[in-house]
Amino acid sequence: MSALRTKLGKVKLKGSSQATDRARTQLEAYIGSQALRDDVLAKELHTGAAAARIGQIGLATTAEPPGLACRSGCAFCCILTGEDGGVMTGAEAKALYAALAPKAGQPDGRAWHPRACPALDPDTKLCRAYEARPMICRSYGSTDVAACEDVAEGRSAEGTGVRAAYGTYLTVHAIGRAALGPGHAPTYSLRRVATAAVEGEPLDTALKDARHRPAELQAERSRATL
């Protein structure tokens, strides 16, 4: 076994050891299914491509929660709370930027609501970067539209949340960061990347401004899994 894969097998993270073990098992299965060379594996761990793919596999292979009220054009979940708007890996940040950059200068979601995601079309309330949307968007769901509206306005409500695959995705990314060392596997602000893209900022500037402090990944893991 390579040095990198040995490190992946030994990583210990804060919080639930069961969550770490589940994520590690899925990471090992992914590595085996893809037959990744160490240099490719290291790149996928650094960019978060491995974490995003494992998260998407988890969504695709598990049943949706019963009673979801999510419908096309219902965009209360796209009204971004806080300054951040959501956590993304580097691979997701670049994909989102690439999808939105050609739409720079066009009306965006903020024409509908001042805190809406810039990826939205303000008229249809549909995502203009749907195929490139990050895991936070893919995994969110609700059984109550009124609850979504409450959350969008900063009020707590029952019936909304993310699926378990989102926590696994975050934990896989954290395992990769721990194995690769400090400075690797950064995360980025959804709001800042999307805003930079539609306002015509260069990609390098967008990523620099949107990059999180290292502690944000663990904080998001705690909110999603612990």
C-alpha atoms as a PDB file:
ATOM      1  CA  MET A   1       0.000   0.000   0.000  1.00  0.00           C
ATOM      2  CA  SER A   2       1.319   3.472  -0.863  1.00  0.00           C
ATOM      3  CA  ALA A   3       2.279   6.015   1.776  1.00  0.00           C
ATOM      4  CA  LEU A   4      -0.724   8.192   0.885  1.00  0.00           C
ATOM      5  CA  ARG A   5      -3.210   5.346   1.181  1.00  0.00           C
ATOM      6  CA  THR A   6      -1.638   4.298   4.458  1.00  0.00           C
ATOM      7  CA  LYS A   7      -2.179   7.833   5.765  1.00  0.00           C
ATOM      8  CA  LEU A   8      -5.803   7.791   4.612  1.00  0.00           C
ATOM      9  CA  GLY A   9      -6.339   4.604   6.597  1.00  0.00           C
ATOM     10  CA  LYS A  10      -4.936   6.140   9.778  1.00  0.00           C
ATOM     11  CA  VAL A  11      -6.637   9.540   9.767  1.00  0.00           C
ATOM     12  CA  LYS A  12      -8.622  10.418  12.881  1.00  0.00           C
ATOM     13  CA  LEU A  13     -10.967  13.391  12.868  1.00  0.00           C
ATOM     14  CA  LYS A  14     -12.792  15.321  15.541  1.00  0.00           C
ATOM     15  CA  GLY A  15     -16.308  14.122  16.255  1.00  0.00           C
ATOM     16  CA  SER A  16     -17.953  10.804  15.512  1.00  0.00           C
ATOM     17  CA  SER A  17     -15.504   8.018  14.724  1.00  0.00           C
ATOM     18  CA  GLN A  18     -18.384   6.152  13.055  1.00  0.00           C
ATOM     19  CA  ALA A  19     -18.895   9.020  10.606  1.00  0.00           C
ATOM     20  CA  THR A  20     -15.183   8.979   9.805  1.00  0.00           C
ATOM     21  CA  ASP A  21     -15.135   5.211   9.342  1.00  0.00           C
ATOM     22  CA  ARG A  22     -18.164   5.302   7.019  1.00  0.00           C
ATOM     23  CA  ALA A  23     -16.622   8.031   4.910  1.00  0.00           C
ATOM     24  CA  ARG A  24     -13.272   6.239   4.799  1.00  0.00           C
ATOM     25  CA  THR A  25     -14.959   3.022   3.646  1.00  0.00           C
ATOM     26  CA  GLN A  26     -16.678   4.880   0.822  1.00  0.00           C
ATOM     27  CA  LEU A  27     -13.431   6.624  -0.105  1.00  0.00           C
ATOM     28  CA  GLU A  28     -11.587   3.304  -0.257  1.00  0.00           C
ATOM     29  CA  ALA A  29     -14.339   1.823  -2.436  1.00  0.00           C
ATOM     30  CA  TYR A  30     -14.138   4.824  -4.765  1.00  0.00           C
ATOM     31  CA  ILE A  31     -10.347   4.571  -5.038  1.00  0.00           C
ATOM     32  CA  GLY A  32     -10.613   0.901  -5.854  1.00  0.00           C
ATOM     33  CA  SER A  33     -13.372   1.343  -8.431  1.00  0.00           C
ATOM     34  CA  GLN A  34     -11.442   4.072 -10.226  1.00  0.00           C
ATOM     35  CA  ALA A  35      -8.027   2.361  -9.971  1.00  0.00           C
ATOM     36  CA  LEU A  36      -6.478   5.756  -9.203  1.00  0.00           C
ATOM     37  CA  ARG A  37      -2.741   6.292  -9.376  1.00  0.00           C
ATOM     38  CA  ASP A  38      -1.319   8.104  -6.349  1.00  0.00           C
ATOM     39  CA  ASP A  39      -0.718  11.369  -8.234  1.00  0.00           C
ATOM     40  CA  VAL A  40      -4.300  11.396  -9.523  1.00  0.00           C
ATOM     41  CA  LEU A  41      -5.656  10.441  -6.107  1.00  0.00           C
ATOM     42  CA  ALA A  42      -3.703  13.248  -4.447  1.00  0.00           C
ATOM     43  CA  LYS A  43      -5.104  15.759  -6.955  1.00  0.00           C
ATOM     44  CA  GLU A  44      -8.682  14.545  -6.462  1.00  0.00           C
ATOM     45  CA  LEU A  45      -8.310  14.771  -2.701  1.00  0.00           C
ATOM     46  CA  HIS A  46      -6.823  18.265  -2.923  1.00  0.00           C
ATOM     47  CA  THR A  47      -9.474  19.658  -5.268  1.00  0.00           C
ATOM     48  CA  GLY A  48     -12.326  17.822  -3.583  1.00  0.00           C
ATOM     49  CA  ALA A  49     -13.279  16.028  -6.802  1.00  0.00           C
ATOM     50  CA  ALA A  50     -13.230  12.697  -4.959  1.00  0.00           C
ATOM     51  CA  ALA A  51     -15.416  14.039  -2.146  1.00  0.00           C
ATOM     52  CA  ALA A  52     -17.941  15.519  -4.591  1.00  0.00           C
ATOM     53  CA  ARG A  53     -18.169  12.330  -6.653  1.00  0.00           C
ATOM     54  CA  ILE A  54     -18.594  10.160  -3.565  1.00  0.00           C
ATOM     55  CA  GLY A  55     -21.298  12.515  -2.310  1.00  0.00           C
ATOM     56  CA  GLN A  56     -23.136  12.379  -5.628  1.00  0.00           C
ATOM     57  CA  ILE A  57     -22.913   8.580  -5.672  1.00  0.00           C
ATOM     58  CA  GLY A  58     -24.445   8.569  -2.191  1.00  0.00           C
ATOM     59  CA  LEU A  59     -27.342  10.726  -3.364  1.00  0.00           C
ATOM     60  CA  ALA A  60     -27.912   8.580  -6.439  1.00  0.00           C
ATOM     61  CA  THR A  61     -27.883   5.265  -4.594  1.00  0.00           C
ATOM     62  CA  THR A  62     -30.113   6.105  -1.633  1.00  0.00           C
ATOM     63  CA  ALA A  63     -33.821   6.823  -1.653  1.00  0.00           C
ATOM     64  CA  GLU A  64     -35.024  10.391  -1.349  1.00  0.00           C
ATOM     65  CA  PRO A  65     -36.742  11.222   1.949  1.00  0.00           C
ATOM     66  CA  PRO A  66     -40.516  10.725   1.697  1.00  0.00           C
ATOM     67  CA  GLY A  67     -42.831  13.674   1.272  1.00  0.00           C
ATOM     68  CA  LEU A  68     -40.423  16.157  -0.302  1.00  0.00           C
ATOM     69  CA  ALA A  69     -42.139  19.397  -1.268  1.00  0.00           C
ATOM     70  CA  CYS A  70     -39.342  20.594  -3.573  1.00  0.00           C
ATOM     71  CA  ARG A  71     -40.617  21.774  -6.964  1.00  0.00           C
ATOM     72  CA  SER A  72     -39.134  23.518  -9.991  1.00  0.00           C
ATOM     73  CA  GLY A  73     -39.244  27.288  -9.529  1.00  0.00           C
ATOM     74  CA  CYS A  74     -39.595  27.138  -5.740  1.00  0.00           C
ATOM     75  CA  ALA A  75     -36.400  28.908  -4.802  1.00  0.00           C
ATOM     76  CA  PHE A  76     -36.658  29.824  -1.134  1.00  0.00           C
ATOM     77  CA  CYS A  77     -33.704  27.501  -0.484  1.00  0.00           C
ATOM     78  CA  CYS A  78     -31.677  29.668  -2.890  1.00  0.00           C
ATOM     79  CA  ILE A  79     -32.046  32.724  -0.665  1.00  0.00           C
ATOM     80  CA  LEU A  80     -28.643  32.520   0.976  1.00  0.00           C
ATOM     81  CA  THR A  81     -28.434  33.113   4.708  1.00  0.00           C
ATOM     82  CA  GLY A  82     -25.306  34.531   6.313  1.00  0.00           C
ATOM     83  CA  GLU A  83     -22.244  35.864   4.532  1.00  0.00           C
ATOM     84  CA  ASP A  84     -21.118  32.524   3.161  1.00  0.00           C
ATOM     85  CA  GLY A  85     -24.074  30.942   1.439  1.00  0.00           C
ATOM     86  CA  GLY A  86     -22.649  27.423   1.482  1.00  0.00           C
ATOM     87  CA  VAL A  87     -19.445  25.358   1.446  1.00  0.00           C
ATOM     88  CA  MET A  88     -17.847  24.051  -1.760  1.00  0.00           C
ATOM     89  CA  THR A  89     -14.678  22.206  -2.681  1.00  0.00           C
ATOM     90  CA  GLY A  90     -12.232  23.650  -5.190  1.00  0.00           C
ATOM     91  CA  ALA A  91     -13.490  21.398  -7.979  1.00  0.00           C
ATOM     92  CA  GLU A  92     -17.055  22.539  -7.348  1.00  0.00           C
ATOM     93  CA  ALA A  93     -16.024  26.192  -7.120  1.00  0.00           C
ATOM     94  CA  LYS A  94     -14.307  26.061 -10.518  1.00  0.00           C
ATOM     95  CA  ALA A  95     -17.240  24.239 -12.106  1.00  0.00           C
ATOM     96  CA  LEU A  96     -19.748  26.763 -10.739  1.00  0.00           C
ATOM     97  CA  TYR A  97     -17.621  29.684 -11.886  1.00  0.00           C
ATOM     98  CA  ALA A  98     -17.264  28.191 -15.390  1.00  0.00           C
ATOM     99  CA  ALA A  99     -21.036  27.721 -15.671  1.00  0.00           C
ATOM    100  CA  LEU A 100     -21.845  31.272 -14.567  1.00  0.00           C
ATOM    101  CA  ALA A 101     -19.018  33.311 -16.120  1.00  0.00           C
ATOM    102  CA  PRO A 102     -20.658  33.371 -19.602  1.00  0.00           C
ATOM    103  CA  LYS A 103     -23.703  34.993 -17.980  1.00  0.00           C
ATOM    104  CA  ALA A 104     -21.729  37.925 -16.538  1.00  0.00           C
ATOM    105  CA  GLY A 105     -23.684  41.168 -16.736  1.00  0.00           C
ATOM    106  CA  GLN A 106     -27.079  39.479 -17.101  1.00  0.00           C
ATOM    107  CA  PRO A 107     -29.817  39.947 -14.476  1.00  0.00           C
ATOM    108  CA  ASP A 108     -29.372  37.340 -11.757  1.00  0.00           C
ATOM    109  CA  GLY A 109     -31.190  36.051  -8.694  1.00  0.00           C
ATOM    110  CA  ARG A 110     -30.513  39.219  -6.724  1.00  0.00           C
ATOM    111  CA  ALA A 111     -32.981  41.044  -8.983  1.00  0.00           C
ATOM    112  CA  TRP A 112     -35.667  38.839  -7.409  1.00  0.00           C
ATOM    113  CA  HIS A 113     -34.395  38.896  -3.833  1.00  0.00           C
ATOM    114  CA  PRO A 114     -31.336  40.804  -2.558  1.00  0.00           C
ATOM    115  CA  ARG A 115     -29.931  37.714  -0.818  1.00  0.00           C
ATOM    116  CA  ALA A 116     -30.731  35.203  -3.563  1.00  0.00           C
ATOM    117  CA  CYS A 117     -27.985  33.120  -5.144  1.00  0.00           C
ATOM    118  CA  PRO A 118     -26.573  34.838  -8.246  1.00  0.00           C
ATOM    119  CA  ALA A 119     -26.917  31.514 -10.080  1.00  0.00           C
ATOM    120  CA  LEU A 120     -30.720  31.947 -10.193  1.00  0.00           C
ATOM    121  CA  ASP A 121     -32.676  33.262 -13.136  1.00  0.00           C
ATOM    122  CA  PRO A 122     -34.727  36.073 -11.539  1.00  0.00           C
ATOM    123  CA  ASP A 123     -37.772  35.432 -13.727  1.00  0.00           C
ATOM    124  CA  THR A 124     -38.075  31.636 -13.756  1.00  0.00           C
ATOM    125  CA  LYS A 125     -36.398  31.061 -10.347  1.00  0.00           C
ATOM    126  CA  LEU A 126     -34.464  28.208 -11.985  1.00  0.00           C
ATOM    127  CA  CYS A 127     -30.762  27.597 -11.439  1.00  0.00           C
ATOM    128  CA  ARG A 128     -28.653  28.727 -14.404  1.00  0.00           C
ATOM    129  CA  ALA A 129     -25.811  26.444 -13.279  1.00  0.00           C
ATOM    130  CA  TYR A 130     -27.887  23.401 -12.357  1.00  0.00           C
ATOM    131  CA  GLU A 131     -25.516  20.737 -13.681  1.00  0.00           C
ATOM    132  CA  ALA A 132     -22.608  22.419 -11.852  1.00  0.00           C
ATOM    133  CA  ARG A 133     -24.410  23.009  -8.560  1.00  0.00           C
ATOM    134  CA  PRO A 134     -22.392  21.917  -5.494  1.00  0.00           C
ATOM    135  CA  MET A 135     -23.295  19.217  -2.979  1.00  0.00           C
ATOM    136  CA  ILE A 136     -24.917  21.650  -0.548  1.00  0.00           C
ATOM    137  CA  CYS A 137     -27.518  22.408  -3.233  1.00  0.00           C
ATOM    138  CA  ARG A 138     -27.886  18.824  -4.443  1.00  0.00           C
ATOM    139  CA  SER A 139     -28.447  17.396  -0.971  1.00  0.00           C
ATOM    140  CA  TYR A 140     -30.851  19.972   0.494  1.00  0.00           C
ATOM    141  CA  GLY A 141     -34.527  19.108   0.737  1.00  0.00           C
ATOM    142  CA  SER A 142     -37.728  20.060   2.494  1.00  0.00           C
ATOM    143  CA  THR A 143     -41.115  18.589   3.299  1.00  0.00           C
ATOM    144  CA  ASP A 144     -42.662  22.015   3.861  1.00  0.00           C
ATOM    145  CA  VAL A 145     -42.442  25.055   1.565  1.00  0.00           C
ATOM    146  CA  ALA A 146     -43.528  27.338   4.397  1.00  0.00           C
ATOM    147  CA  ALA A 147     -40.595  26.073   6.454  1.00  0.00           C
ATOM    148  CA  CYS A 148     -38.230  26.970   3.605  1.00  0.00           C
ATOM    149  CA  GLU A 149     -39.655  30.471   3.530  1.00  0.00           C
ATOM    150  CA  ASP A 150     -39.149  30.777   7.282  1.00  0.00           C
ATOM    151  CA  VAL A 151     -35.530  29.626   7.033  1.00  0.00           C
ATOM    152  CA  ALA A 152     -34.900  32.053   4.165  1.00  0.00           C
ATOM    153  CA  GLU A 153     -36.047  34.879   6.407  1.00  0.00           C
ATOM    154  CA  GLY A 154     -33.847  33.746   9.285  1.00  0.00           C
ATOM    155  CA  ARG A 155     -36.459  31.911  11.326  1.00  0.00           C
ATOM    156  CA  SER A 156     -35.942  28.327  12.527  1.00  0.00           C
ATOM    157  CA  ALA A 157     -38.343  25.718  11.169  1.00  0.00           C
ATOM    158  CA  GLU A 158     -38.798  21.960  11.062  1.00  0.00           C
ATOM    159  CA  GLY A 159     -38.873  19.950   7.848  1.00  0.00           C
ATOM    160  CA  THR A 160     -35.770  21.185   6.060  1.00  0.00           C
ATOM    161  CA  GLY A 161     -32.227  19.824   5.971  1.00  0.00           C
ATOM    162  CA  VAL A 162     -29.483  18.040   4.064  1.00  0.00           C
ATOM    163  CA  ARG A 163     -29.247  14.325   3.299  1.00  0.00           C
ATOM    164  CA  ALA A 164     -26.631  12.102   4.910  1.00  0.00           C
ATOM    165  CA  ALA A 165     -24.506  12.081   1.752  1.00  0.00           C
ATOM    166  CA  TYR A 166     -23.613  15.713   2.420  1.00  0.00           C
ATOM    167  CA  GLY A 167     -21.994  14.824   5.740  1.00  0.00           C
ATOM    168  CA  THR A 168     -20.080  11.986   4.063  1.00  0.00           C
ATOM    169  CA  TYR A 169     -18.843  14.362   1.363  1.00  0.00           C
ATOM    170  CA  LEU A 170     -17.537  16.807   3.978  1.00  0.00           C
ATOM    171  CA  THR A 171     -15.877  14.016   5.956  1.00  0.00           C
ATOM    172  CA  VAL A 172     -14.164  12.552   2.872  1.00  0.00           C
ATOM    173  CA  HIS A 173     -12.787  16.019   2.123  1.00  0.00           C
ATOM    174  CA  ALA A 174     -11.579  16.342   5.715  1.00  0.00           C
ATOM    175  CA  ILE A 175      -9.880  12.942   5.531  1.00  0.00           C
ATOM    176  CA  GLY A 176      -8.093  14.029   2.377  1.00  0.00           C
ATOM    177  CA  ARG A 177      -6.930  17.256   3.986  1.00  0.00           C
ATOM    178  CA  ALA A 178      -5.609  15.409   7.036  1.00  0.00           C
ATOM    179  CA  ALA A 179      -3.700  12.911   4.882  1.00  0.00           C
ATOM    180  CA  LEU A 180      -2.220  15.501   2.506  1.00  0.00           C
ATOM    181  CA  GLY A 181      -1.295  18.033   5.192  1.00  0.00           C
ATOM    182  CA  PRO A 182      -1.883  21.745   5.910  1.00  0.00           C
ATOM    183  CA  GLY A 183      -2.813  23.932   2.962  1.00  0.00           C
ATOM    184  CA  HIS A 184      -4.515  21.145   1.052  1.00  0.00           C
ATOM    185  CA  ALA A 185      -8.193  20.472   0.304  1.00  0.00           C
ATOM    186  CA  PRO A 186      -9.489  24.025   0.859  1.00  0.00           C
ATOM    187  CA  THR A 187     -13.171  24.968   0.798  1.00  0.00           C
ATOM    188  CA  TYR A 188     -14.837  28.024  -0.707  1.00  0.00           C
ATOM    189  CA  SER A 189     -17.866  30.257  -0.248  1.00  0.00           C
ATOM    190  CA  LEU A 190     -20.693  29.559  -2.693  1.00  0.00           C
ATOM    191  CA  ARG A 191     -21.961  33.135  -2.470  1.00  0.00           C
ATOM    192  CA  ARG A 192     -18.591  34.706  -3.198  1.00  0.00           C
ATOM    193  CA  VAL A 193     -17.737  32.454  -6.137  1.00  0.00           C
ATOM    194  CA  ALA A 194     -21.142  32.877  -7.776  1.00  0.00           C
ATOM    195  CA  THR A 195     -21.090  36.636  -7.244  1.00  0.00           C
ATOM    196  CA  ALA A 196     -17.591  36.970  -8.675  1.00  0.00           C
ATOM    197  CA  ALA A 197     -18.555  34.962 -11.765  1.00  0.00           C
ATOM    198  CA  VAL A 198     -21.644  37.019 -12.668  1.00  0.00           C
ATOM    199  CA  GLU A 199     -19.808  40.268 -11.963  1.00  0.00           C
ATOM    200  CA  GLY A 200     -16.982  39.361 -14.335  1.00  0.00           C
ATOM    201  CA  GLU A 201     -14.136  38.913 -11.869  1.00  0.00           C
ATOM    202  CA  PRO A 202     -11.235  36.650 -12.927  1.00  0.00           C
ATOM    203  CA  LEU A 203     -11.273  33.091 -11.616  1.00  0.00           C
ATOM    204  CA  ASP A 204      -8.044  33.472  -9.645  1.00  0.00           C
ATOM    205  CA  THR A 205      -9.399  36.535  -7.853  1.00  0.00           C
ATOM    206  CA  ALA A 206     -12.697  34.796  -7.165  1.00  0.00           C
ATOM    207  CA  LEU A 207     -11.003  31.761  -5.614  1.00  0.00           C
ATOM    208  CA  LYS A 208      -8.633  33.875  -3.536  1.00  0.00           C
ATOM    209  CA  ASP A 209     -11.458  35.977  -2.098  1.00  0.00           C
ATOM    210  CA  ALA A 210     -13.800  33.012  -1.566  1.00  0.00           C
ATOM    211  CA  ARG A 211     -11.325  30.662   0.114  1.00  0.00           C
ATOM    212  CA  HIS A 212     -12.319  29.702   3.656  1.00  0.00           C
ATOM    213  CA  ARG A 213     -10.164  29.587   6.712  1.00  0.00           C
ATOM    214  CA  PRO A 214      -9.256  25.963   7.535  1.00  0.00           C
ATOM    215  CA  ALA A 215     -11.598  25.810  10.543  1.00  0.00           C
ATOM    216  CA  GLU A 216     -14.688  26.253   8.377  1.00  0.00           C
ATOM    217  CA  LEU A 217     -14.630  22.664   7.114  1.00  0.00           C
ATOM    218  CA  GLN A 218     -14.772  21.219  10.627  1.00  0.00           C
ATOM    219  CA  ALA A 219     -17.454  23.726  11.610  1.00  0.00           C
ATOM    220  CA  GLU A 220     -19.591  22.649   8.643  1.00  0.00           C
ATOM    221  CA  ARG A 221     -18.971  18.978   9.450  1.00  0.00           C
ATOM    222  CA  SER A 222     -20.189  19.620  12.978  1.00  0.00           C
ATOM    223  CA  ARG A 223     -23.374  21.242  11.697  1.00  0.00           C
ATOM    224  CA  ALA A 224     -24.037  18.446   9.205  1.00  0.00           C
ATOM    225  CA  THR A 225     -22.944  15.231  10.923  1.00  0.00           C
ATOM    226  CA  LEU A 226     -22.407  15.575  14.658  1.00  0.00           C
END
